[in-house]
C-alpha atoms as a PDB file:
ATOM      1  CA  LYS A   1      -0.011  -0.057   0.029  1.00  0.00           C
ATOM      2  CA  ASP A   2       1.453   3.306  -1.046  1.00  0.00           C
ATOM      3  CA  TYR A   3       2.195   6.108   1.550  1.00  0.00           C
ATOM      4  CA  PRO A   4      -0.557   8.506   0.544  1.00  0.00           C
ATOM      5  CA  SER A   5      -3.064   5.736   0.843  1.00  0.00           C
ATOM      6  CA  GLN A   6      -1.783   4.845   4.263  1.00  0.00           C
ATOM      7  CA  LEU A   7      -2.098   8.472   5.400  1.00  0.00           C
ATOM      8  CA  HIS A   8      -5.780   8.416   4.063  1.00  0.00           C
ATOM      9  CA  THR A   9      -6.282   5.419   6.382  1.00  0.00           C
ATOM     10  CA  LYS A  10      -4.755   7.282   9.165  1.00  0.00           C
ATOM     11  CA  LEU A  11      -7.024  10.219   8.769  1.00  0.00           C
ATOM     12  CA  HIS A  12     -10.033   8.123   8.345  1.00  0.00           C
ATOM     13  CA  LEU A  13      -9.332   6.356  11.643  1.00  0.00           C
ATOM     14  CA  TYR A  14      -8.871   9.623  13.356  1.00  0.00           C
ATOM     15  CA  GLN A  15     -12.134  11.072  12.094  1.00  0.00           C
ATOM     16  CA  SER A  16     -14.103   8.046  12.952  1.00  0.00           C
ATOM     17  CA  GLN A  17     -12.951   7.542  16.661  1.00  0.00           C
ATOM     18  CA  PRO A  18     -14.066   9.722  19.544  1.00  0.00           C
ATOM     19  CA  HIS A  19     -11.100  11.714  21.137  1.00  0.00           C
ATOM     20  CA  ASN A  20     -12.978  12.350  24.346  1.00  0.00           C
ATOM     21  CA  THR A  21     -12.256   9.349  26.345  1.00  0.00           C
ATOM     22  CA  SER A  22     -14.813  10.398  29.006  1.00  0.00           C
ATOM     23  CA  ASN A  23     -17.662  10.054  26.516  1.00  0.00           C
ATOM     24  CA  THR A  24     -17.205   7.283  23.935  1.00  0.00           C
ATOM     25  CA  ASN A  25     -20.720   7.937  22.631  1.00  0.00           C
ATOM     26  CA  THR A  26     -19.692  11.255  20.793  1.00  0.00           C
ATOM     27  CA  THR A  27     -17.929  11.574  17.366  1.00  0.00           C
ATOM     28  CA  PRO A  28     -14.985  13.696  16.379  1.00  0.00           C
ATOM     29  CA  ALA A  29     -17.382  15.889  14.227  1.00  0.00           C
ATOM     30  CA  ALA A  30     -19.730  16.355  17.305  1.00  0.00           C
ATOM     31  CA  GLU A  31     -16.703  17.303  19.293  1.00  0.00           C
ATOM     32  CA  LEU A  32     -15.648  19.826  16.733  1.00  0.00           C
ATOM     33  CA  ARG A  33     -19.073  21.399  16.710  1.00  0.00           C
ATOM     34  CA  HIS A  34     -19.100  21.785  20.438  1.00  0.00           C
ATOM     35  CA  TYR A  35     -15.618  23.347  20.183  1.00  0.00           C
ATOM     36  CA  TYR A  36     -16.858  26.089  17.926  1.00  0.00           C
ATOM     37  CA  ALA A  37     -20.215  26.517  19.626  1.00  0.00           C
ATOM     38  CA  ILE A  38     -18.698  27.728  22.846  1.00  0.00           C
ATOM     39  CA  ARG A  39     -15.962  29.958  21.210  1.00  0.00           C
ATOM     40  CA  PRO A  40     -17.751  33.023  19.763  1.00  0.00           C
ATOM     41  CA  LYS A  41     -14.425  35.006  19.632  1.00  0.00           C
ATOM     42  CA  LEU A  42     -13.297  32.715  16.753  1.00  0.00           C
ATOM     43  CA  ARG A  43     -15.790  34.726  14.639  1.00  0.00           C
ATOM     44  CA  LYS A  44     -13.726  37.855  15.074  1.00  0.00           C
ATOM     45  CA  TYR A  45     -10.596  35.843  14.393  1.00  0.00           C
ATOM     46  CA  THR A  46     -11.781  34.682  11.120  1.00  0.00           C
ATOM     47  CA  LEU A  47     -13.160  38.027   9.873  1.00  0.00           C
ATOM     48  CA  GLY A  48     -10.519  40.270  11.451  1.00  0.00           C
ATOM     49  CA  VAL A  49      -7.366  38.396  11.074  1.00  0.00           C
ATOM     50  CA  GLU A  50      -7.488  35.360   8.688  1.00  0.00           C
ATOM     51  CA  LEU A  51      -9.596  37.050   5.994  1.00  0.00           C
ATOM     52  CA  ASP A  52      -6.657  39.378   5.317  1.00  0.00           C
ATOM     53  CA  ARG A  53      -4.075  36.456   5.175  1.00  0.00           C
ATOM     54  CA  MET A  54      -5.890  33.731   3.477  1.00  0.00           C
ATOM     55  CA  GLU A  55      -8.070  33.261   0.461  1.00  0.00           C
ATOM     56  CA  TYR A  56     -11.871  33.042   1.129  1.00  0.00           C
ATOM     57  CA  THR A  57     -14.943  32.244  -0.988  1.00  0.00           C
ATOM     58  CA  LEU A  58     -18.428  32.802   0.434  1.00  0.00           C
ATOM     59  CA  ILE A  59     -21.323  31.062  -1.134  1.00  0.00           C
ATOM     60  CA  LEU A  60     -24.670  32.618   0.007  1.00  0.00           C
ATOM     61  CA  GLU A  61     -27.904  30.496   0.311  1.00  0.00           C
ATOM     62  CA  ASN A  62     -29.027  31.633  -3.097  1.00  0.00           C
ATOM     63  CA  GLY A  63     -25.876  30.217  -4.643  1.00  0.00           C
ATOM     64  CA  THR A  64     -24.144  33.696  -5.227  1.00  0.00           C
ATOM     65  CA  SER A  65     -20.414  33.529  -4.460  1.00  0.00           C
ATOM     66  CA  THR A  66     -17.901  36.293  -3.603  1.00  0.00           C
ATOM     67  CA  LYS A  67     -14.167  36.369  -2.832  1.00  0.00           C
ATOM     68  CA  ASP A  68     -14.300  40.124  -2.046  1.00  0.00           C
ATOM     69  CA  GLU A  69     -13.123  40.779   1.489  1.00  0.00           C
ATOM     70  CA  ASP A  70     -15.099  43.829   2.002  1.00  0.00           C
ATOM     71  CA  VAL A  71     -18.296  42.136   0.705  1.00  0.00           C
ATOM     72  CA  ILE A  72     -17.758  39.205   3.104  1.00  0.00           C
ATOM     73  CA  ARG A  73     -17.257  41.392   6.014  1.00  0.00           C
ATOM     74  CA  SER A  74     -20.343  43.528   5.015  1.00  0.00           C
ATOM     75  CA  TYR A  75     -22.533  40.304   4.919  1.00  0.00           C
ATOM     76  CA  PHE A  76     -21.415  39.541   8.415  1.00  0.00           C
ATOM     77  CA  GLY A  77     -21.811  43.004   9.664  1.00  0.00           C
ATOM     78  CA  VAL A  78     -18.247  43.628  10.834  1.00  0.00           C
ATOM     79  CA  GLY A  79     -15.515  46.090  10.120  1.00  0.00           C
ATOM     80  CA  ASP A  80     -11.844  45.438   9.121  1.00  0.00           C
ATOM     81  CA  ASP A  81     -11.048  44.421  12.652  1.00  0.00           C
ATOM     82  CA  GLY A  82     -13.773  41.836  12.802  1.00  0.00           C
ATOM     83  CA  ASP A  83     -15.870  43.776  15.312  1.00  0.00           C
ATOM     84  CA  VAL A  84     -19.564  44.056  14.743  1.00  0.00           C
ATOM     85  CA  VAL A  85     -20.235  47.482  13.136  1.00  0.00           C
ATOM     86  CA  GLY A  86     -22.182  49.609  15.779  1.00  0.00           C
ATOM     87  CA  GLY A  87     -21.841  46.888  18.338  1.00  0.00           C
ATOM     88  CA  GLY A  88     -20.854  47.561  22.052  1.00  0.00           C
ATOM     89  CA  GLY A  89     -18.961  45.616  24.660  1.00  0.00           C
ATOM     90  CA  GLU A  90     -16.975  42.478  24.553  1.00  0.00           C
ATOM     91  CA  GLU A  91     -18.414  39.197  23.374  1.00  0.00           C
ATOM     92  CA  LYS A  92     -19.025  36.578  26.046  1.00  0.00           C
ATOM     93  CA  GLU A  93     -16.363  34.040  26.188  1.00  0.00           C
ATOM     94  CA  GLU A  94     -18.801  31.078  26.171  1.00  0.00           C
ATOM     95  CA  VAL A  95     -22.430  30.842  24.909  1.00  0.00           C
ATOM     96  CA  VAL A  96     -24.936  28.050  25.192  1.00  0.00           C
ATOM     97  CA  GLU A  97     -24.255  25.698  22.269  1.00  0.00           C
ATOM     98  CA  GLU A  98     -27.910  25.893  20.980  1.00  0.00           C
ATOM     99  CA  GLU A  99     -27.516  29.707  20.624  1.00  0.00           C
ATOM    100  CA  ALA A 100     -24.909  29.145  17.800  1.00  0.00           C
ATOM    101  CA  THR A 101     -26.588  29.014  14.319  1.00  0.00           C
ATOM    102  CA  VAL A 102     -25.112  26.901  11.480  1.00  0.00           C
ATOM    103  CA  GLU A 103     -23.943  30.100   9.831  1.00  0.00           C
ATOM    104  CA  GLU A 104     -22.328  31.292  13.001  1.00  0.00           C
ATOM    105  CA  LEU A 105     -20.439  27.923  13.378  1.00  0.00           C
ATOM    106  CA  LEU A 106     -19.266  27.976   9.818  1.00  0.00           C
ATOM    107  CA  ILE A 107     -17.615  31.426  10.060  1.00  0.00           C
ATOM    108  CA  ARG A 108     -16.183  30.445  13.506  1.00  0.00           C
ATOM    109  CA  SER A 109     -14.576  27.368  12.052  1.00  0.00           C
ATOM    110  CA  ALA A 110     -13.223  29.015   8.792  1.00  0.00           C
ATOM    111  CA  ASN A 111      -9.706  29.515   9.993  1.00  0.00           C
ATOM    112  CA  GLN A 112      -6.519  27.446  10.590  1.00  0.00           C
ATOM    113  CA  SER A 113      -8.028  26.025  13.826  1.00  0.00           C
ATOM    114  CA  LEU A 114     -10.003  23.782  11.439  1.00  0.00           C
ATOM    115  CA  LEU A 115      -6.738  22.049  10.420  1.00  0.00           C
ATOM    116  CA  ALA A 116      -5.540  21.326  13.914  1.00  0.00           C
ATOM    117  CA  ASP A 117      -7.025  17.757  14.247  1.00  0.00           C
ATOM    118  CA  ALA A 118      -5.757  16.798  10.827  1.00  0.00           C
ATOM    119  CA  LEU A 119      -2.237  17.859  11.729  1.00  0.00           C
ATOM    120  CA  VAL A 120      -2.455  15.828  14.987  1.00  0.00           C
ATOM    121  CA  ALA A 121      -3.519  12.854  13.092  1.00  0.00           C
ATOM    122  CA  LEU A 122      -0.734  13.235  10.569  1.00  0.00           C
ATOM    123  CA  THR A 123       1.952  13.700  13.359  1.00  0.00           C
ATOM    124  CA  GLY A 124       3.940  10.662  14.460  1.00  0.00           C
ATOM    125  CA  SER A 125       7.143  10.200  16.582  1.00  0.00           C
ATOM    126  CA  GLU A 126      10.607  10.274  15.072  1.00  0.00           C
ATOM    127  CA  GLU A 127      11.229   7.092  17.015  1.00  0.00           C
ATOM    128  CA  ASP A 128       8.938   5.272  14.468  1.00  0.00           C
ATOM    129  CA  VAL A 129      11.686   5.755  11.869  1.00  0.00           C
ATOM    130  CA  VAL A 130      14.149   3.894  14.013  1.00  0.00           C
ATOM    131  CA  VAL A 131      11.771   1.011  14.584  1.00  0.00           C
ATOM    132  CA  VAL A 132      10.759   0.861  10.874  1.00  0.00           C
ATOM    133  CA  ALA A 133      14.453   0.775   9.881  1.00  0.00           C
ATOM    134  CA  GLY A 134      14.933  -2.243  12.170  1.00  0.00           C
ATOM    135  CA  VAL A 135      17.251  -0.466  14.495  1.00  0.00           C
ATOM    136  CA  ASP A 136      17.785  -2.123  17.963  1.00  0.00           C
ATOM    137  CA  THR A 137      15.067  -4.787  17.354  1.00  0.00           C
ATOM    138  CA  GLY A 138      17.530  -7.641  17.809  1.00  0.00           C
ATOM    139  CA  GLY A 139      16.153  -9.439  14.869  1.00  0.00           C
ATOM    140  CA  GLU A 140      12.951 -10.137  16.787  1.00  0.00           C
ATOM    141  CA  SER A 141       9.428  -8.939  16.098  1.00  0.00           C
ATOM    142  CA  ASP A 142       8.642  -5.614  17.639  1.00  0.00           C
ATOM    143  CA  ASP A 143       5.452  -4.411  19.192  1.00  0.00           C
ATOM    144  CA  PHE A 144       5.338  -1.701  16.626  1.00  0.00           C
ATOM    145  CA  PHE A 145       4.772  -4.217  13.815  1.00  0.00           C
ATOM    146  CA  ASP A 146       2.459  -6.425  15.923  1.00  0.00           C
ATOM    147  CA  SER A 147       0.088  -3.588  16.676  1.00  0.00           C
ATOM    148  CA  GLU A 148      -3.293  -3.435  15.131  1.00  0.00           C
ATOM    149  CA  ASP A 149      -3.286   0.208  14.711  1.00  0.00           C
ATOM    150  CA  GLY A 150      -2.268  -0.097  10.949  1.00  0.00           C
ATOM    151  CA  GLY A 151      -5.503  -2.189  10.393  1.00  0.00           C
ATOM    152  CA  ASP A 152      -3.571  -4.798   8.173  1.00  0.00           C
ATOM    153  CA  GLY A 153      -0.911  -6.117  10.450  1.00  0.00           C
ATOM    154  CA  GLU A 154       1.705  -3.805   9.283  1.00  0.00           C
ATOM    155  CA  GLY A 155       1.796  -1.811  12.433  1.00  0.00           C
ATOM    156  CA  PRO A 156       0.888   1.913  12.959  1.00  0.00           C
ATOM    157  CA  ILE A 157       1.237   4.141   9.904  1.00  0.00           C
ATOM    158  CA  MET A 158       4.233   6.515  10.045  1.00  0.00           C
ATOM    159  CA  GLY A 159       3.184  10.217  10.285  1.00  0.00           C
ATOM    160  CA  LEU A 160       3.765  12.710   7.617  1.00  0.00           C
ATOM    161  CA  ILE A 161       5.194  15.045  10.399  1.00  0.00           C
ATOM    162  CA  LEU A 162       7.557  13.458  12.925  1.00  0.00           C
ATOM    163  CA  SER A 163       7.942  14.992  16.281  1.00  0.00           C
ATOM    164  CA  GLY A 164      10.935  14.867  18.435  1.00  0.00           C
ATOM    165  CA  PRO A 165      14.185  16.689  19.430  1.00  0.00           C
ATOM    166  CA  THR A 166      16.451  15.013  16.920  1.00  0.00           C
ATOM    167  CA  LEU A 167      14.864  15.992  13.598  1.00  0.00           C
ATOM    168  CA  CYS A 168      13.084  19.157  14.836  1.00  0.00           C
ATOM    169  CA  MET A 169      10.560  18.755  11.961  1.00  0.00           C
ATOM    170  CA  SER A 170       7.874  21.175  11.568  1.00  0.00           C
ATOM    171  CA  SER A 171       4.990  22.067   9.199  1.00  0.00           C
ATOM    172  CA  VAL A 172       3.934  25.485   7.995  1.00  0.00           C
ATOM    173  CA  ALA A 173       0.833  26.418   6.116  1.00  0.00           C
ATOM    174  CA  GLU A 174       2.077  28.313   3.023  1.00  0.00           C
ATOM    175  CA  THR A 175      -1.357  28.810   1.548  1.00  0.00           C
ATOM    176  CA  CYS A 176      -4.933  28.261   2.751  1.00  0.00           C
ATOM    177  CA  GLN A 177      -8.177  28.436   0.866  1.00  0.00           C
ATOM    178  CA  PHE A 178     -11.488  28.492   2.784  1.00  0.00           C
ATOM    179  CA  THR A 179     -14.883  28.045   1.197  1.00  0.00           C
ATOM    180  CA  VAL A 180     -17.837  29.045   3.501  1.00  0.00           C
ATOM    181  CA  ASP A 181     -20.862  27.431   1.827  1.00  0.00           C
ATOM    182  CA  LEU A 182     -24.031  28.787   3.413  1.00  0.00           C
ATOM    183  CA  GLN A 183     -26.147  26.979   0.780  1.00  0.00           C
ATOM    184  CA  CYS A 184     -24.879  23.529   1.712  1.00  0.00           C
ATOM    185  CA  GLY A 185     -24.115  24.431   5.329  1.00  0.00           C
ATOM    186  CA  LYS A 186     -20.429  23.452   5.241  1.00  0.00           C
ATOM    187  CA  VAL A 187     -16.958  24.963   5.256  1.00  0.00           C
ATOM    188  CA  GLU A 188     -14.048  23.553   3.293  1.00  0.00           C
ATOM    189  CA  ALA A 189     -10.354  24.254   3.812  1.00  0.00           C
ATOM    190  CA  LEU A 190      -7.579  23.470   1.293  1.00  0.00           C
ATOM    191  CA  CYS A 191      -4.069  24.025   2.714  1.00  0.00           C
ATOM    192  CA  ASP A 192      -0.635  23.593   1.242  1.00  0.00           C
ATOM    193  CA  LEU A 193       1.912  22.492   4.035  1.00  0.00           C
ATOM    194  CA  ALA A 194       5.655  22.711   3.951  1.00  0.00           C
ATOM    195  CA  ILE A 195       7.350  20.098   6.021  1.00  0.00           C
ATOM    196  CA  SER A 196      10.799  21.040   6.909  1.00  0.00           C
ATOM    197  CA  VAL A 197      13.825  20.392   9.093  1.00  0.00           C
ATOM    198  CA  PRO A 198      16.655  22.795  10.216  1.00  0.00           C
ATOM    199  CA  PHE A 199      19.344  23.265   7.576  1.00  0.00           C
ATOM    200  CA  HIS A 200      22.640  25.184   8.008  1.00  0.00           C
ATOM    201  CA  GLY A 201      24.748  23.432   5.309  1.00  0.00           C
ATOM    202  CA  ASP A 202      26.204  24.401   1.942  1.00  0.00           C
ATOM    203  CA  VAL A 203      23.478  25.823  -0.375  1.00  0.00           C
ATOM    204  CA  THR A 204      25.772  25.219  -3.335  1.00  0.00           C
ATOM    205  CA  ALA A 205      25.272  21.440  -2.927  1.00  0.00           C
ATOM    206  CA  ILE A 206      21.459  21.986  -3.099  1.00  0.00           C
ATOM    207  CA  GLN A 207      21.884  24.213  -6.150  1.00  0.00           C
ATOM    208  CA  GLU A 208      23.797  21.388  -7.930  1.00  0.00           C
ATOM    209  CA  LEU A 209      20.960  18.765  -7.112  1.00  0.00           C
ATOM    210  CA  LEU A 210      18.420  21.191  -8.538  1.00  0.00           C
ATOM    211  CA  GLY A 211      20.372  21.534 -11.837  1.00  0.00           C
ATOM    212  CA  GLY A 212      22.776  24.358 -11.555  1.00  0.00           C
ATOM    213  CA  ASP A 213      23.614  27.672 -10.022  1.00  0.00           C
ATOM    214  CA  ASP A 214      20.995  29.522 -12.173  1.00  0.00           C
ATOM    215  CA  ASP A 215      18.097  27.838 -10.319  1.00  0.00           C
ATOM    216  CA  GLU A 216      17.879  30.308  -7.544  1.00  0.00           C
ATOM    217  CA  GLN A 217      14.063  30.245  -7.421  1.00  0.00           C
ATOM    218  CA  GLY A 218      14.184  26.461  -6.920  1.00  0.00           C
ATOM    219  CA  VAL A 219      16.598  26.895  -3.946  1.00  0.00           C
ATOM    220  CA  THR A 220      14.466  29.635  -2.450  1.00  0.00           C
ATOM    221  CA  LYS A 221      11.515  27.310  -2.554  1.00  0.00           C
ATOM    222  CA  ILE A 222      13.212  24.636  -0.426  1.00  0.00           C
ATOM    223  CA  ILE A 223      15.651  26.573   1.732  1.00  0.00           C
ATOM    224  CA  GLY A 224      14.830  29.644   3.870  1.00  0.00           C
ATOM    225  CA  ASP A 225      15.036  30.995   7.483  1.00  0.00           C
ATOM    226  CA  GLY A 226      17.641  28.154   8.326  1.00  0.00           C
ATOM    227  CA  ARG A 227      15.343  25.300   7.228  1.00  0.00           C
ATOM    228  CA  ILE A 228      15.047  22.948   4.261  1.00  0.00           C
ATOM    229  CA  VAL A 229      11.713  21.768   3.031  1.00  0.00           C
ATOM    230  CA  LEU A 230      11.495  17.978   2.640  1.00  0.00           C
ATOM    231  CA  ALA A 231       8.127  17.803   1.194  1.00  0.00           C
ATOM    232  CA  ARG A 232       4.962  19.606   0.498  1.00  0.00           C
ATOM    233  CA  ALA A 233       1.504  18.309   1.055  1.00  0.00           C
ATOM    234  CA  ARG A 234      -1.935  19.570   0.223  1.00  0.00           C
ATOM    235  CA  VAL A 235      -4.467  18.674   2.939  1.00  0.00           C
ATOM    236  CA  SER A 236      -8.224  19.291   2.756  1.00  0.00           C
ATOM    237  CA  VAL A 237     -10.843  19.466   5.569  1.00  0.00           C
ATOM    238  CA  ARG A 238     -14.679  19.434   5.129  1.00  0.00           C
ATOM    239  CA  PHE A 239     -16.786  20.329   8.208  1.00  0.00           C
ATOM    240  CA  ARG A 240     -20.508  20.300   8.278  1.00  0.00           C
ATOM    241  CA  PRO A 241     -21.912  21.310  11.631  1.00  0.00           C
ATOM    242  CA  GLY A 242     -25.316  19.815  10.916  1.00  0.00           C
ATOM    243  CA  GLY A 243     -28.426  20.845  12.831  1.00  0.00           C
ATOM    244  CA  GLU A 244     -30.104  22.701  10.000  1.00  0.00           C
ATOM    245  CA  GLY A 245     -33.309  24.180  11.055  1.00  0.00           C
ATOM    246  CA  GLY A 246     -33.031  22.745  14.524  1.00  0.00           C
ATOM    247  CA  ASN A 247     -33.081  19.163  13.226  1.00  0.00           C
ATOM    248  CA  GLU A 248     -31.371  17.122  15.965  1.00  0.00           C
ATOM    249  CA  ASN A 249     -31.107  14.124  13.505  1.00  0.00           C
ATOM    250  CA  ASP A 250     -28.992  16.247  11.151  1.00  0.00           C
ATOM    251  CA  GLU A 251     -25.678  14.801  12.404  1.00  0.00           C
ATOM    252  CA  PRO A 252     -22.383  16.864  12.042  1.00  0.00           C
ATOM    253  CA  THR A 253     -19.627  15.440   9.833  1.00  0.00           C
ATOM    254  CA  VAL A 254     -16.015  15.992   9.264  1.00  0.00           C
ATOM    255  CA  GLN A 255     -13.735  14.673   6.491  1.00  0.00           C
ATOM    256  CA  TYR A 256      -9.912  14.945   6.403  1.00  0.00           C
ATOM    257  CA  ALA A 257      -7.949  14.048   3.253  1.00  0.00           C
ATOM    258  CA  ILE A 258      -4.509  14.275   1.665  1.00  0.00           C
ATOM    259  CA  GLN A 259      -4.751  15.542  -1.797  1.00  0.00           C
ATOM    260  CA  SER A 260      -1.220  15.341  -2.689  1.00  0.00           C
ATOM    261  CA  ILE A 261       2.397  14.935  -1.493  1.00  0.00           C
ATOM    262  CA  ASN A 262       5.419  16.301  -3.389  1.00  0.00           C
ATOM    263  CA  PRO A 263       8.970  15.776  -2.292  1.00  0.00           C
END
C-alpha cells in the first residue's frame, strides 16, 4: 500500500473515533461542533485576522459567491477588525451551544484552527523511523509491527510530520483556501503545508542537485530561514456542523484528506 493511501487510512481512523475518552458515545465531528459552539471569539478571528491573510470564498444561500473581503465582512456586519459594526461591549467567552446557528458555526470554524485535528492525526514520533528501519530490534518482532493500529498487520502508519528533538521537524501552512458554503451548510479548507527540518549546510550542494547555479528560485522554494523543505502536502478538511433548522437528527460530519504529497 502506497504512503498517501496509508495516510488516508490514518486520517479516516482519526475522524471516526471519539477523542474524548470520558464520552465514547460522541464523534469527532460532534466534538468539533461543540468546540466552535462555545468559542464566539473565533468569529472575530476569522473576519478580522484570517480574512486578510488567506483566500476566502463565501457562497450565499441563493448560490451567489464572492471572494471580495469587503463584501464578506459586510455580509457578516463587521468592520476590518472583525468587530460588529455599531456593536458595543466584549463578546461573552462562552455561549450556550444551542444559541450558535449553523452560519455562525461555519464562520467561526473557517480558519486554521480547523486544520488542527488533521495535523494531530498526521503527526507521529521520529522514534517510529528507528523502529521501521529495524534498528535495535535484535532481529525479533517488535510491538510496533504487531500492533493493530495499521489495520492490516503492518503496524501503525508513520506520520507525515515526525515530532521529536532530533529532527526538529515542523509544518507551516504556506497557503490556505477557505470556502464558506451557506447554501450547503459546510466549510471547506484546502491547505498547502511545507514540512521542513533545520538546515545550515552548503547551499551550493542543493543548487547542484536542482540543476545548476541559475536555479535560485528552486533553492528559495526549499531553503529559507535556516530550514530545508523535505516535502509539500496538500491537506483538505470538510466540516458540516449539521443541525439545520433545529433538526437534531442532522448529524455533524467532518472529513480529512491528503490531496497530494510532493518531495
